[in-house]
């Protein structure tokens, strides 16, 4: 089973179907996690509270197939990836959404799933 942790706008049924097609998995759970940080407060405690909201057990963090739709705010996304790597032992794959050209109102589709762990491992081969 794939757990899709969504830290962004709610995904549409069409986007979920696109994820199913890309992952070749027809059944997964979507966990929508409300993500709002106060710029006037330190981010680390807010990150801890955000992650506390994720309904996964210690075993699920380490054994469940987890896919992530990151928040758009770059500082929060970077902190979240560091936290998730610590809990999971690897970087999770992430969704990349893109605007659908010419759509009114603006709509988004799932463009691809980026395998961050694979990208990291390839980059390590290029260290000198």
Protein backbone atom coordinates (compact mmCIF):
# COMPACT_ATOMS: atom_id res chain seq x y z
CA UNK A 1 0.00 0.00 0.00
CA UNK A 2 1.23 3.49 -0.80
CA UNK A 3 0.66 6.33 1.65
CA UNK A 4 0.55 9.67 -0.14
CA UNK A 5 1.39 12.46 2.30
CA UNK A 6 -0.07 15.64 0.86
CA UNK A 7 1.30 18.89 2.32
CA UNK A 8 -0.23 21.06 -0.39
CA UNK A 9 -3.65 21.75 -1.89
CA UNK A 10 -6.09 18.83 -1.84
CA UNK A 11 -5.58 16.50 -4.79
CA UNK A 12 -8.41 15.97 -7.26
CA UNK A 13 -9.73 12.54 -8.22
CA UNK A 14 -8.10 13.07 -11.62
CA UNK A 15 -4.70 13.75 -10.01
CA UNK A 16 -5.07 10.69 -7.79
CA UNK A 17 -5.85 8.61 -10.89
CA UNK A 18 -2.67 10.01 -12.50
CA UNK A 19 -0.65 8.95 -9.44
CA UNK A 20 -2.19 5.48 -9.61
CA UNK A 21 -1.22 5.26 -13.28
CA UNK A 22 2.36 6.40 -12.63
CA UNK A 23 2.88 4.09 -9.65
CA UNK A 24 0.96 1.18 -11.16
CA UNK A 25 -0.82 0.92 -7.80
CA UNK A 26 -4.59 1.02 -7.71
CA UNK A 27 -5.00 1.39 -3.96
CA UNK A 28 -3.32 3.84 -1.63
CA UNK A 29 -4.29 6.19 1.15
CA UNK A 30 -4.04 9.94 0.94
CA UNK A 31 -3.24 11.86 4.11
CA UNK A 32 -3.89 15.60 3.74
CA UNK A 33 -1.73 17.46 6.24
CA UNK A 34 -2.59 21.13 6.75
CA UNK A 35 0.64 23.09 6.31
CA UNK A 36 0.79 26.69 7.50
CA UNK A 37 3.90 28.22 9.07
CA UNK A 38 4.14 31.53 10.90
CA UNK A 39 7.08 33.52 9.49
CA UNK A 40 7.44 35.39 12.78
CA UNK A 41 8.12 32.21 14.76
CA UNK A 42 11.03 29.71 14.59
CA UNK A 43 10.38 27.03 12.00
CA UNK A 44 11.82 23.97 13.77
CA UNK A 45 9.09 23.78 16.48
CA UNK A 46 6.46 24.32 13.78
CA UNK A 47 7.98 21.47 11.78
CA UNK A 48 7.77 19.17 14.81
CA UNK A 49 4.07 20.04 15.19
CA UNK A 50 3.46 19.48 11.47
CA UNK A 51 5.06 16.03 11.54
CA UNK A 52 3.18 15.15 14.74
CA UNK A 53 -0.04 15.46 12.70
CA UNK A 54 0.98 12.70 10.28
CA UNK A 55 -0.95 9.56 11.25
CA UNK A 56 1.85 7.01 10.76
CA UNK A 57 3.31 4.66 13.34
CA UNK A 58 7.05 4.10 13.79
CA UNK A 59 6.69 0.84 11.84
CA UNK A 60 4.79 2.54 9.00
CA UNK A 61 7.48 5.24 8.71
CA UNK A 62 10.07 2.55 8.11
CA UNK A 63 8.05 -0.02 6.14
CA UNK A 64 5.24 1.74 4.26
CA UNK A 65 5.73 2.89 0.68
CA UNK A 66 5.46 6.67 1.15
CA UNK A 67 4.99 9.23 -1.60
CA UNK A 68 5.05 12.97 -0.81
CA UNK A 69 3.42 16.04 -2.30
CA UNK A 70 5.62 18.77 -0.82
CA UNK A 71 4.44 22.16 0.40
CA UNK A 72 5.19 24.99 -2.02
CA UNK A 73 7.12 27.07 0.54
CA UNK A 74 10.77 26.16 -0.12
CA UNK A 75 12.05 26.53 3.46
CA UNK A 76 9.32 24.26 4.80
CA UNK A 77 9.87 21.73 1.99
CA UNK A 78 13.60 21.55 2.76
CA UNK A 79 13.01 21.09 6.51
CA UNK A 80 10.34 18.50 5.85
CA UNK A 81 12.60 16.46 3.56
CA UNK A 82 15.32 16.43 6.22
CA UNK A 83 12.82 15.26 8.85
CA UNK A 84 11.31 12.59 6.58
CA UNK A 85 14.75 11.26 5.65
CA UNK A 86 15.57 10.92 9.34
CA UNK A 87 12.37 9.00 10.03
CA UNK A 88 12.40 6.83 6.91
CA UNK A 89 16.12 6.31 6.36
CA UNK A 90 15.95 7.53 2.75
CA UNK A 91 14.54 10.40 0.72
CA UNK A 92 10.92 9.80 -0.28
CA UNK A 93 9.75 10.08 -3.87
CA UNK A 94 7.84 13.30 -4.53
CA UNK A 95 5.11 14.44 -6.91
CA UNK A 96 5.73 17.16 -9.47
CA UNK A 97 2.59 18.96 -10.53
CA UNK A 98 2.40 21.26 -13.54
CA UNK A 99 -0.23 23.64 -14.87
CA UNK A 100 -2.45 22.32 -17.63
CA UNK A 101 -1.82 24.60 -20.58
CA UNK A 102 -4.81 26.76 -21.47
CA UNK A 103 -7.01 25.61 -18.61
CA UNK A 104 -9.45 28.11 -17.19
CA UNK A 105 -9.60 28.31 -14.27
CA UNK A 106 -6.00 27.20 -13.77
CA UNK A 107 -5.73 23.45 -13.14
CA UNK A 108 -2.80 21.18 -12.45
CA UNK A 109 -1.84 17.66 -13.47
CA UNK A 110 0.68 15.20 -12.08
CA UNK A 111 3.68 15.53 -14.40
CA UNK A 112 5.95 12.91 -12.85
CA UNK A 113 7.15 11.24 -9.68
CA UNK A 114 10.71 12.23 -8.79
CA UNK A 115 12.76 9.54 -7.08
CA UNK A 116 14.90 11.68 -4.75
CA UNK A 117 16.80 8.73 -3.31
CA UNK A 118 17.83 7.58 -6.78
CA UNK A 119 18.88 11.12 -7.68
CA UNK A 120 20.96 11.29 -4.48
CA UNK A 121 22.63 7.96 -5.19
CA UNK A 122 23.51 9.01 -8.75
CA UNK A 123 24.95 12.30 -7.47
CA UNK A 124 27.20 10.45 -5.01
CA UNK A 125 28.83 8.68 -7.94
CA UNK A 126 29.96 12.08 -9.26
CA UNK A 127 31.85 13.15 -6.13
CA UNK A 128 35.58 13.48 -6.63
